[in-house]
N, C-alpha and C. Protein backbone atom coordinates (compact mmCIF):
# COMPACT_ATOMS: atom_id res chain seq x y z
N MET A 1 -15.03 -14.33 -9.43
CA MET A 1 -14.00 -14.89 -10.27
C MET A 1 -13.07 -13.76 -10.73
N LYS A 2 -11.79 -14.00 -10.67
CA LYS A 2 -10.82 -12.99 -11.08
C LYS A 2 -10.74 -12.95 -12.60
N LYS A 3 -10.58 -11.74 -13.14
CA LYS A 3 -10.52 -11.61 -14.59
C LYS A 3 -9.10 -11.84 -15.09
N TYR A 4 -8.99 -12.28 -16.32
CA TYR A 4 -7.71 -12.50 -16.97
C TYR A 4 -7.21 -11.17 -17.53
N VAL A 5 -5.98 -10.79 -17.19
CA VAL A 5 -5.39 -9.55 -17.68
C VAL A 5 -4.20 -9.93 -18.53
N PRO A 6 -4.25 -9.68 -19.84
CA PRO A 6 -3.11 -10.02 -20.69
C PRO A 6 -1.90 -9.16 -20.36
N ILE A 7 -0.72 -9.77 -20.41
CA ILE A 7 0.52 -9.06 -20.10
C ILE A 7 1.03 -8.41 -21.38
N GLU A 8 1.32 -7.11 -21.28
CA GLU A 8 1.80 -6.33 -22.43
C GLU A 8 3.14 -5.69 -22.09
N ASP A 9 3.74 -5.02 -23.08
CA ASP A 9 4.99 -4.31 -22.85
C ASP A 9 4.82 -3.29 -21.74
N GLY A 10 5.77 -3.23 -20.83
CA GLY A 10 5.72 -2.28 -19.74
C GLY A 10 5.01 -2.79 -18.50
N ASP A 11 4.46 -4.00 -18.55
CA ASP A 11 3.76 -4.55 -17.39
C ASP A 11 4.71 -5.19 -16.39
N TYR A 12 5.90 -5.55 -16.81
CA TYR A 12 6.87 -6.14 -15.90
C TYR A 12 8.28 -5.94 -16.44
N TYR A 13 9.23 -6.18 -15.58
CA TYR A 13 10.63 -6.20 -16.00
C TYR A 13 11.31 -7.35 -15.27
N LEU A 14 12.45 -7.76 -15.77
CA LEU A 14 13.19 -8.85 -15.14
C LEU A 14 14.20 -8.28 -14.16
N THR A 15 14.21 -8.83 -12.96
CA THR A 15 15.18 -8.40 -11.96
C THR A 15 16.53 -9.02 -12.29
N PRO A 16 17.61 -8.55 -11.67
CA PRO A 16 18.92 -9.17 -11.91
C PRO A 16 18.95 -10.66 -11.57
N GLU A 17 18.07 -11.08 -10.67
CA GLU A 17 18.00 -12.51 -10.31
C GLU A 17 17.20 -13.32 -11.31
N GLY A 18 16.51 -12.66 -12.25
CA GLY A 18 15.75 -13.35 -13.27
C GLY A 18 14.26 -13.47 -12.98
N TYR A 19 13.76 -12.81 -11.94
CA TYR A 19 12.34 -12.85 -11.60
C TYR A 19 11.58 -11.76 -12.34
N ARG A 20 10.29 -11.98 -12.58
CA ARG A 20 9.43 -10.94 -13.15
C ARG A 20 8.97 -10.04 -12.01
N CYS A 21 9.08 -8.75 -12.21
CA CYS A 21 8.60 -7.78 -11.24
C CYS A 21 7.54 -6.94 -11.94
N PHE A 22 6.29 -7.07 -11.48
CA PHE A 22 5.20 -6.34 -12.12
C PHE A 22 5.24 -4.87 -11.76
N THR A 23 4.95 -4.03 -12.73
CA THR A 23 5.00 -2.58 -12.55
C THR A 23 3.65 -2.06 -12.07
N GLU A 24 3.63 -0.79 -11.69
CA GLU A 24 2.40 -0.15 -11.25
C GLU A 24 1.35 -0.21 -12.37
N GLN A 25 1.79 -0.09 -13.62
CA GLN A 25 0.89 -0.16 -14.77
C GLN A 25 0.09 -1.45 -14.76
N TYR A 26 0.76 -2.58 -14.51
CA TYR A 26 0.07 -3.87 -14.49
C TYR A 26 -0.91 -3.96 -13.33
N HIS A 27 -0.47 -3.52 -12.14
CA HIS A 27 -1.34 -3.60 -10.96
C HIS A 27 -2.61 -2.78 -11.15
N LEU A 28 -2.49 -1.62 -11.76
CA LEU A 28 -3.67 -0.78 -12.01
C LEU A 28 -4.61 -1.44 -13.02
N LYS A 29 -4.06 -2.08 -14.05
CA LYS A 29 -4.89 -2.79 -15.03
C LYS A 29 -5.62 -3.96 -14.37
N ARG A 30 -4.93 -4.64 -13.45
CA ARG A 30 -5.54 -5.78 -12.76
C ARG A 30 -6.71 -5.32 -11.90
N GLY A 31 -6.58 -4.17 -11.24
CA GLY A 31 -7.71 -3.57 -10.57
C GLY A 31 -7.92 -3.89 -9.10
N TYR A 32 -7.02 -4.63 -8.47
CA TYR A 32 -7.17 -4.92 -7.05
C TYR A 32 -5.80 -5.22 -6.45
N CYS A 33 -5.72 -5.15 -5.12
CA CYS A 33 -4.49 -5.45 -4.41
C CYS A 33 -4.48 -6.91 -4.00
N CYS A 34 -3.40 -7.62 -4.24
CA CYS A 34 -3.31 -9.03 -3.88
C CYS A 34 -2.76 -9.22 -2.46
N GLU A 35 -2.35 -8.11 -1.82
CA GLU A 35 -1.83 -8.10 -0.45
C GLU A 35 -0.61 -9.00 -0.29
N SER A 36 0.27 -9.02 -1.30
CA SER A 36 1.50 -9.79 -1.23
C SER A 36 2.71 -8.91 -0.98
N GLY A 37 2.51 -7.61 -0.85
CA GLY A 37 3.62 -6.70 -0.62
C GLY A 37 4.44 -6.43 -1.86
N CYS A 38 3.78 -6.30 -2.99
CA CYS A 38 4.46 -6.08 -4.26
C CYS A 38 5.29 -4.79 -4.24
N ARG A 39 6.41 -4.81 -4.90
CA ARG A 39 7.35 -3.69 -4.92
C ARG A 39 6.73 -2.41 -5.47
N HIS A 40 5.86 -2.52 -6.47
CA HIS A 40 5.29 -1.34 -7.12
C HIS A 40 3.78 -1.23 -6.89
N CYS A 41 3.32 -1.63 -5.71
CA CYS A 41 1.88 -1.62 -5.40
C CYS A 41 1.34 -0.19 -5.37
N PRO A 42 0.36 0.13 -6.26
CA PRO A 42 -0.22 1.47 -6.25
C PRO A 42 -1.33 1.63 -5.21
N TYR A 43 -1.67 0.55 -4.52
CA TYR A 43 -2.78 0.57 -3.56
C TYR A 43 -2.31 0.86 -2.14
N GLY A 44 -1.01 0.99 -1.93
CA GLY A 44 -0.47 1.39 -0.64
C GLY A 44 -0.45 0.30 0.42
N PHE A 45 -0.49 -0.97 0.01
CA PHE A 45 -0.46 -2.05 0.99
C PHE A 45 0.94 -2.15 1.61
N ASN A 46 0.98 -2.28 2.93
CA ASN A 46 2.24 -2.42 3.65
C ASN A 46 2.27 -3.83 4.24
N LYS A 47 3.19 -4.66 3.77
CA LYS A 47 3.24 -6.05 4.20
C LYS A 47 3.61 -6.17 5.68
N LYS A 48 4.37 -5.21 6.20
CA LYS A 48 4.79 -5.28 7.61
C LYS A 48 3.61 -5.02 8.56
N THR A 49 2.74 -4.08 8.21
CA THR A 49 1.60 -3.77 9.08
C THR A 49 0.31 -4.46 8.63
N LEU A 50 0.34 -5.05 7.45
CA LEU A 50 -0.81 -5.73 6.85
C LEU A 50 -2.00 -4.79 6.66
N LYS A 51 -1.70 -3.52 6.36
CA LYS A 51 -2.75 -2.53 6.14
C LYS A 51 -2.51 -1.77 4.85
N LYS A 52 -3.59 -1.27 4.29
CA LYS A 52 -3.51 -0.43 3.09
C LYS A 52 -3.43 1.01 3.48
């Protein structure tokens, strides 16, 4: 079961289009890679090659 990680200041910012973009800080707190090709992924996942 995935753990609940509360969102705090610095965990995301709003893009010019109005979307939430999670920062590296949030991904590290979450503790795993979701393999969605996140912009600030600290785990090194590459969506094009599907490898970390």
